[in-house]
Amino acid sequence: PGALTIKEALQYNMTLPVSTTIIGVDDVAQIEENVKIASEFSPLSEDEMAAIEYKCLPIVRQGLYFRRWELGV
């Protein structure tokens, strides 16, 4: 929680070559926010994608603690 905004997460996901994005919500306000983000969407640049990936590295590392991979920067 707190690593990315919902806007960053949705834009990142929708920039990937996917046909569907499934999002859980707690209330109608979140649905409305997600629809607004999706309706205003334009694909992120490579630099914007890389910035989001960098921002998530600490979380990725936590999820892969059991592997010996050297991640990122």
PDB file of N, CA and C in Angstrom:
ATOM      1  N   PRO A   1       0.824  -1.198   0.000  1.00  0.00           N
ATOM      2  CA  PRO A   1       0.000   0.000   0.000  1.00  0.00           C
ATOM      3  C   PRO A   1       0.866   1.259   0.000  1.00  0.00           C
ATOM      4  N   GLY A   2       0.473   2.220  -0.818  1.00  0.00           N
ATOM      5  CA  GLY A   2       1.171   3.483  -0.807  1.00  0.00           C
ATOM      6  C   GLY A   2       2.304   3.611  -1.802  1.00  0.00           C
ATOM      7  N   ALA A   3       2.695   2.519  -2.454  1.00  0.00           N
ATOM      8  CA  ALA A   3       3.796   2.600  -3.411  1.00  0.00           C
ATOM      9  C   ALA A   3       3.368   3.358  -4.657  1.00  0.00           C
ATOM     10  N   LEU A   4       2.168   3.110  -5.120  1.00  0.00           N
ATOM     11  CA  LEU A   4       1.645   3.759  -6.324  1.00  0.00           C
ATOM     12  C   LEU A   4       0.257   4.310  -6.056  1.00  0.00           C
ATOM     13  N   THR A   5      -0.080   5.330  -6.801  1.00  0.00           N
ATOM     14  CA  THR A   5      -1.468   5.787  -6.788  1.00  0.00           C
ATOM     15  C   THR A   5      -2.269   4.844  -7.683  1.00  0.00           C
ATOM     16  N   ILE A   6      -3.573   4.859  -7.543  1.00  0.00           N
ATOM     17  CA  ILE A   6      -4.404   4.028  -8.417  1.00  0.00           C
ATOM     18  C   ILE A   6      -4.229   4.470  -9.864  1.00  0.00           C
ATOM     19  N   LYS A   7      -4.056   5.767 -10.081  1.00  0.00           N
ATOM     20  CA  LYS A   7      -3.857   6.270 -11.442  1.00  0.00           C
ATOM     21  C   LYS A   7      -2.580   5.697 -12.049  1.00  0.00           C
ATOM     22  N   GLU A   8      -1.483   5.706 -11.286  1.00  0.00           N
ATOM     23  CA  GLU A   8      -0.227   5.136 -11.791  1.00  0.00           C
ATOM     24  C   GLU A   8      -0.385   3.651 -12.094  1.00  0.00           C
ATOM     25  N   ALA A   9      -1.022   2.933 -11.174  1.00  0.00           N
ATOM     26  CA  ALA A   9      -1.185   1.488 -11.353  1.00  0.00           C
ATOM     27  C   ALA A   9      -2.041   1.169 -12.580  1.00  0.00           C
ATOM     28  N   LEU A  10      -3.144   1.881 -12.738  1.00  0.00           N
ATOM     29  CA  LEU A  10      -4.023   1.633 -13.886  1.00  0.00           C
ATOM     30  C   LEU A  10      -3.357   2.025 -15.200  1.00  0.00           C
ATOM     31  N   GLN A  11      -2.703   3.185 -15.216  1.00  0.00           N
ATOM     32  CA  GLN A  11      -2.042   3.617 -16.445  1.00  0.00           C
ATOM     33  C   GLN A  11      -0.934   2.642 -16.834  1.00  0.00           C
ATOM     34  N   TYR A  12      -0.180   2.168 -15.843  1.00  0.00           N
ATOM     35  CA  TYR A  12       0.887   1.205 -16.127  1.00  0.00           C
ATOM     36  C   TYR A  12       0.283  -0.058 -16.733  1.00  0.00           C
ATOM     37  N   ASN A  13      -0.737  -0.576 -16.070  1.00  0.00           N
ATOM     38  CA  ASN A  13      -1.366  -1.807 -16.533  1.00  0.00           C
ATOM     39  C   ASN A  13      -1.968  -1.653 -17.919  1.00  0.00           C
ATOM     40  N   MET A  14      -2.644  -0.552 -18.165  1.00  0.00           N
ATOM     41  CA  MET A  14      -3.303  -0.356 -19.453  1.00  0.00           C
ATOM     42  C   MET A  14      -2.308  -0.062 -20.576  1.00  0.00           C
ATOM     43  N   THR A  15      -1.082   0.335 -20.231  1.00  0.00           N
ATOM     44  CA  THR A  15      -0.046   0.541 -21.242  1.00  0.00           C
ATOM     45  C   THR A  15       0.525  -0.794 -21.714  1.00  0.00           C
ATOM     46  N   LEU A  16       0.439  -1.810 -20.866  1.00  0.00           N
ATOM     47  CA  LEU A  16       0.912  -3.147 -21.240  1.00  0.00           C
ATOM     48  C   LEU A  16      -0.022  -3.742 -22.302  1.00  0.00           C
ATOM     49  N   PRO A  17       0.467  -4.736 -23.053  1.00  0.00           N
ATOM     50  CA  PRO A  17      -0.394  -5.346 -24.084  1.00  0.00           C
ATOM     51  C   PRO A  17      -1.409  -6.317 -23.468  1.00  0.00           C
ATOM     52  N   VAL A  18      -2.409  -5.747 -22.786  1.00  0.00           N
ATOM     53  CA  VAL A  18      -3.468  -6.548 -22.168  1.00  0.00           C
ATOM     54  C   VAL A  18      -4.807  -6.159 -22.781  1.00  0.00           C
ATOM     55  N   SER A  19      -5.758  -7.049 -22.721  1.00  0.00           N
ATOM     56  CA  SER A  19      -7.080  -6.724 -23.253  1.00  0.00           C
ATOM     57  C   SER A  19      -8.081  -6.411 -22.149  1.00  0.00           C
ATOM     58  N   THR A  20      -7.749  -6.765 -20.899  1.00  0.00           N
ATOM     59  CA  THR A  20      -8.674  -6.551 -19.793  1.00  0.00           C
ATOM     60  C   THR A  20      -7.907  -6.178 -18.536  1.00  0.00           C
ATOM     61  N   THR A  21      -8.453  -5.248 -17.787  1.00  0.00           N
ATOM     62  CA  THR A  21      -7.910  -4.886 -16.483  1.00  0.00           C
ATOM     63  C   THR A  21      -9.025  -5.085 -15.469  1.00  0.00           C
ATOM     64  N   ILE A  22      -8.782  -5.899 -14.461  1.00  0.00           N
ATOM     65  CA  ILE A  22      -9.793  -6.175 -13.436  1.00  0.00           C
ATOM     66  C   ILE A  22      -9.360  -5.472 -12.154  1.00  0.00           C
ATOM     67  N   ILE A  23     -10.268  -4.690 -11.599  1.00  0.00           N
ATOM     68  CA  ILE A  23      -9.942  -3.854 -10.448  1.00  0.00           C
ATOM     69  C   ILE A  23     -10.962  -4.097  -9.347  1.00  0.00           C
ATOM     70  N   GLY A  24     -10.496  -4.312  -8.136  1.00  0.00           N
ATOM     71  CA  GLY A  24     -11.392  -4.408  -6.991  1.00  0.00           C
ATOM     72  C   GLY A  24     -11.667  -3.018  -6.434  1.00  0.00           C
ATOM     73  N   VAL A  25     -12.872  -2.787  -5.981  1.00  0.00           N
ATOM     74  CA  VAL A  25     -13.239  -1.487  -5.412  1.00  0.00           C
ATOM     75  C   VAL A  25     -14.048  -1.686  -4.137  1.00  0.00           C
ATOM     76  N   ASP A  26     -14.040  -0.656  -3.307  1.00  0.00           N
ATOM     77  CA  ASP A  26     -14.790  -0.690  -2.054  1.00  0.00           C
ATOM     78  C   ASP A  26     -16.086   0.110  -2.105  1.00  0.00           C
ATOM     79  N   ASP A  27     -16.162   1.057  -3.055  1.00  0.00           N
ATOM     80  CA  ASP A  27     -17.368   1.889  -3.105  1.00  0.00           C
ATOM     81  C   ASP A  27     -17.539   2.508  -4.490  1.00  0.00           C
ATOM     82  N   VAL A  28     -18.664   3.168  -4.677  1.00  0.00           N
ATOM     83  CA  VAL A  28     -19.005   3.765  -5.970  1.00  0.00           C
ATOM     84  C   VAL A  28     -18.008   4.858  -6.346  1.00  0.00           C
ATOM     85  N   ALA A  29     -17.528   5.609  -5.379  1.00  0.00           N
ATOM     86  CA  ALA A  29     -16.566   6.682  -5.662  1.00  0.00           C
ATOM     87  C   ALA A  29     -15.308   6.127  -6.326  1.00  0.00           C
ATOM     88  N   GLN A  30     -14.858   4.965  -5.879  1.00  0.00           N
ATOM     89  CA  GLN A  30     -13.684   4.343  -6.499  1.00  0.00           C
ATOM     90  C   GLN A  30     -13.985   3.918  -7.933  1.00  0.00           C
ATOM     91  N   ILE A  31     -15.168   3.402  -8.173  1.00  0.00           N
ATOM     92  CA  ILE A  31     -15.556   3.039  -9.544  1.00  0.00           C
ATOM     93  C   ILE A  31     -15.527   4.277 -10.433  1.00  0.00           C
ATOM     94  N   GLU A  32     -16.102   5.357  -9.943  1.00  0.00           N
ATOM     95  CA  GLU A  32     -16.132   6.596 -10.726  1.00  0.00           C
ATOM     96  C   GLU A  32     -14.721   7.107 -11.012  1.00  0.00           C
ATOM     97  N   GLU A  33     -13.842   7.041 -10.012  1.00  0.00           N
ATOM     98  CA  GLU A  33     -12.450   7.465 -10.205  1.00  0.00           C
ATOM     99  C   GLU A  33     -11.765   6.588 -11.258  1.00  0.00           C
ATOM    100  N   ASN A  34     -11.962   5.283 -11.169  1.00  0.00           N
ATOM    101  CA  ASN A  34     -11.339   4.361 -12.123  1.00  0.00           C
ATOM    102  C   ASN A  34     -11.848   4.593 -13.545  1.00  0.00           C
ATOM    103  N   VAL A  35     -13.141   4.845 -13.690  1.00  0.00           N
ATOM    104  CA  VAL A  35     -13.713   5.120 -15.013  1.00  0.00           C
ATOM    105  C   VAL A  35     -13.122   6.405 -15.576  1.00  0.00           C
ATOM    106  N   LYS A  36     -12.970   7.420 -14.740  1.00  0.00           N
ATOM    107  CA  LYS A  36     -12.380   8.691 -15.180  1.00  0.00           C
ATOM    108  C   LYS A  36     -10.946   8.469 -15.656  1.00  0.00           C
ATOM    109  N   ILE A  37     -10.162   7.731 -14.888  1.00  0.00           N
ATOM    110  CA  ILE A  37      -8.774   7.441 -15.268  1.00  0.00           C
ATOM    111  C   ILE A  37      -8.745   6.701 -16.602  1.00  0.00           C
ATOM    112  N   ALA A  38      -9.586   5.699 -16.734  1.00  0.00           N
ATOM    113  CA  ALA A  38      -9.607   4.903 -17.970  1.00  0.00           C
ATOM    114  C   ALA A  38     -10.058   5.733 -19.165  1.00  0.00           C
ATOM    115  N   SER A  39     -11.036   6.601 -18.961  1.00  0.00           N
ATOM    116  CA  SER A  39     -11.552   7.386 -20.092  1.00  0.00           C
ATOM    117  C   SER A  39     -10.562   8.453 -20.544  1.00  0.00           C
ATOM    118  N   GLU A  40      -9.673   8.890 -19.662  1.00  0.00           N
ATOM    119  CA  GLU A  40      -8.658   9.893 -20.002  1.00  0.00           C
ATOM    120  C   GLU A  40      -7.315   9.257 -20.345  1.00  0.00           C
ATOM    121  N   PHE A  41      -7.267   7.953 -20.429  1.00  0.00           N
ATOM    122  CA  PHE A  41      -6.014   7.214 -20.592  1.00  0.00           C
ATOM    123  C   PHE A  41      -5.319   7.492 -21.917  1.00  0.00           C
ATOM    124  N   SER A  42      -4.009   7.657 -21.826  1.00  0.00           N
ATOM    125  CA  SER A  42      -3.136   7.592 -23.000  1.00  0.00           C
ATOM    126  C   SER A  42      -1.899   6.823 -22.549  1.00  0.00           C
ATOM    127  N   PRO A  43      -1.332   5.983 -23.410  1.00  0.00           N
ATOM    128  CA  PRO A  43      -0.216   5.125 -23.007  1.00  0.00           C
ATOM    129  C   PRO A  43       0.958   5.921 -22.435  1.00  0.00           C
ATOM    130  N   LEU A  44       1.607   5.325 -21.455  1.00  0.00           N
ATOM    131  CA  LEU A  44       2.777   5.940 -20.840  1.00  0.00           C
ATOM    132  C   LEU A  44       3.991   5.777 -21.748  1.00  0.00           C
ATOM    133  N   SER A  45       4.941   6.680 -21.602  1.00  0.00           N
ATOM    134  CA  SER A  45       6.203   6.574 -22.336  1.00  0.00           C
ATOM    135  C   SER A  45       7.078   5.510 -21.668  1.00  0.00           C
ATOM    136  N   GLU A  46       8.140   5.111 -22.342  1.00  0.00           N
ATOM    137  CA  GLU A  46       9.073   4.143 -21.752  1.00  0.00           C
ATOM    138  C   GLU A  46       9.670   4.695 -20.467  1.00  0.00           C
ATOM    139  N   ASP A  47       9.985   5.991 -20.438  1.00  0.00           N
ATOM    140  CA  ASP A  47      10.546   6.607 -19.231  1.00  0.00           C
ATOM    141  C   ASP A  47       9.546   6.591 -18.079  1.00  0.00           C
ATOM    142  N   GLU A  48       8.284   6.857 -18.378  1.00  0.00           N
ATOM    143  CA  GLU A  48       7.251   6.825 -17.340  1.00  0.00           C
ATOM    144  C   GLU A  48       7.056   5.405 -16.813  1.00  0.00           C
ATOM    145  N   MET A  49       7.089   4.432 -17.706  1.00  0.00           N
ATOM    146  CA  MET A  49       6.969   3.023 -17.288  1.00  0.00           C
ATOM    147  C   MET A  49       8.143   2.649 -16.388  1.00  0.00           C
ATOM    148  N   ALA A  50       9.350   3.040 -16.791  1.00  0.00           N
ATOM    149  CA  ALA A  50      10.551   2.726 -16.008  1.00  0.00           C
ATOM    150  C   ALA A  50      10.493   3.386 -14.634  1.00  0.00           C
ATOM    151  N   ALA A  51       9.985   4.607 -14.560  1.00  0.00           N
ATOM    152  CA  ALA A  51       9.881   5.300 -13.274  1.00  0.00           C
ATOM    153  C   ALA A  51       8.934   4.563 -12.330  1.00  0.00           C
ATOM    154  N   ILE A  52       7.837   4.061 -12.842  1.00  0.00           N
ATOM    155  CA  ILE A  52       6.895   3.300 -12.018  1.00  0.00           C
ATOM    156  C   ILE A  52       7.528   1.983 -11.576  1.00  0.00           C
ATOM    157  N   GLU A  53       8.224   1.310 -12.477  1.00  0.00           N
ATOM    158  CA  GLU A  53       8.900   0.059 -12.124  1.00  0.00           C
ATOM    159  C   GLU A  53       9.932   0.297 -11.026  1.00  0.00           C
ATOM    160  N   TYR A  54      10.686   1.379 -11.134  1.00  0.00           N
ATOM    161  CA  TYR A  54      11.692   1.712 -10.121  1.00  0.00           C
ATOM    162  C   TYR A  54      11.024   1.972  -8.771  1.00  0.00           C
ATOM    163  N   LYS A  55       9.915   2.679  -8.806  1.00  0.00           N
ATOM    164  CA  LYS A  55       9.168   2.993  -7.589  1.00  0.00           C
ATOM    165  C   LYS A  55       8.696   1.720  -6.878  1.00  0.00           C
ATOM    166  N   CYS A  56       8.450   0.657  -7.639  1.00  0.00           N
ATOM    167  CA  CYS A  56       7.936  -0.599  -7.087  1.00  0.00           C
ATOM    168  C   CYS A  56       9.023  -1.589  -6.674  1.00  0.00           C
ATOM    169  N   LEU A  57      10.283  -1.289  -6.961  1.00  0.00           N
ATOM    170  CA  LEU A  57      11.350  -2.250  -6.665  1.00  0.00           C
ATOM    171  C   LEU A  57      11.356  -2.760  -5.221  1.00  0.00           C
ATOM    172  N   PRO A  58      11.182  -1.896  -4.209  1.00  0.00           N
ATOM    173  CA  PRO A  58      11.189  -2.425  -2.840  1.00  0.00           C
ATOM    174  C   PRO A  58      10.114  -3.490  -2.610  1.00  0.00           C
ATOM    175  N   ILE A  59       8.951  -3.315  -3.206  1.00  0.00           N
ATOM    176  CA  ILE A  59       7.863  -4.279  -3.041  1.00  0.00           C
ATOM    177  C   ILE A  59       8.177  -5.558  -3.811  1.00  0.00           C
ATOM    178  N   VAL A  60       8.724  -5.416  -5.008  1.00  0.00           N
ATOM    179  CA  VAL A  60       9.108  -6.589  -5.802  1.00  0.00           C
ATOM    180  C   VAL A  60      10.148  -7.398  -5.041  1.00  0.00           C
ATOM    181  N   ARG A  61      11.114  -6.717  -4.455  1.00  0.00           N
ATOM    182  CA  ARG A  61      12.157  -7.424  -3.694  1.00  0.00           C
ATOM    183  C   ARG A  61      11.552  -8.194  -2.523  1.00  0.00           C
ATOM    184  N   GLN A  62      10.588  -7.605  -1.838  1.00  0.00           N
ATOM    185  CA  GLN A  62       9.938  -8.297  -0.720  1.00  0.00           C
ATOM    186  C   GLN A  62       9.241  -9.560  -1.201  1.00  0.00           C
ATOM    187  N   GLY A  63       8.601  -9.474  -2.342  1.00  0.00           N
ATOM    188  CA  GLY A  63       7.873 -10.617  -2.878  1.00  0.00           C
ATOM    189  C   GLY A  63       8.773 -11.716  -3.397  1.00  0.00           C
ATOM    190  N   LEU A  64      10.028 -11.381  -3.668  1.00  0.00           N
ATOM    191  CA  LEU A  64      10.970 -12.362  -4.208  1.00  0.00           C
ATOM    192  C   LEU A  64      12.096 -12.662  -3.221  1.00  0.00           C
ATOM    193  N   TYR A  65      11.847 -12.460  -1.934  1.00  0.00           N
ATOM    194  CA  TYR A  65      12.884 -12.660  -0.927  1.00  0.00           C
ATOM    195  C   TYR A  65      13.471 -14.065  -0.956  1.00  0.00           C
ATOM    196  N   PHE A  66      12.703 -15.026  -1.404  1.00  0.00           N
ATOM    197  CA  PHE A  66      13.134 -16.421  -1.404  1.00  0.00           C
ATOM    198  C   PHE A  66      13.985 -16.760  -2.622  1.00  0.00           C
ATOM    199  N   ARG A  67      14.122 -15.850  -3.552  1.00  0.00           N
ATOM    200  CA  ARG A  67      14.923 -16.104  -4.754  1.00  0.00           C
ATOM    201  C   ARG A  67      16.266 -15.418  -4.621  1.00  0.00           C
ATOM    202  N   ARG A  68      17.222 -15.880  -5.359  1.00  0.00           N
ATOM    203  CA  ARG A  68      18.555 -15.293  -5.305  1.00  0.00           C
ATOM    204  C   ARG A  68      18.809 -14.348  -6.477  1.00  0.00           C
ATOM    205  N   TRP A  69      17.748 -13.869  -7.071  1.00  0.00           N
ATOM    206  CA  TRP A  69      17.910 -12.966  -8.210  1.00  0.00           C
ATOM    207  C   TRP A  69      18.383 -11.612  -7.729  1.00  0.00           C
ATOM    208  N   GLU A  70      19.222 -11.008  -8.512  1.00  0.00           N
ATOM    209  CA  GLU A  70      19.652  -9.640  -8.242  1.00  0.00           C
ATOM    210  C   GLU A  70      18.733  -8.723  -9.034  1.00  0.00           C
ATOM    211  N   LEU A  71      17.949  -7.936  -8.341  1.00  0.00           N
ATOM    212  CA  LEU A  71      16.961  -7.093  -9.012  1.00  0.00           C
ATOM    213  C   LEU A  71      17.428  -5.655  -9.107  1.00  0.00           C
ATOM    214  N   GLY A  72      17.226  -5.108 -10.241  1.00  0.00           N
ATOM    215  CA  GLY A  72      17.250  -3.673 -10.437  1.00  0.00           C
ATOM    216  C   GLY A  72      18.531  -2.945 -10.131  1.00  0.00           C
ATOM    217  N   VAL A  73      18.327  -1.751  -9.681  1.00  0.00           N
ATOM    218  CA  VAL A  73      19.382  -0.758  -9.549  1.00  0.00           C
ATOM    219  C   VAL A  73      20.144  -0.936  -8.267  1.00  0.00           C
TER     220      VAL A  73
END
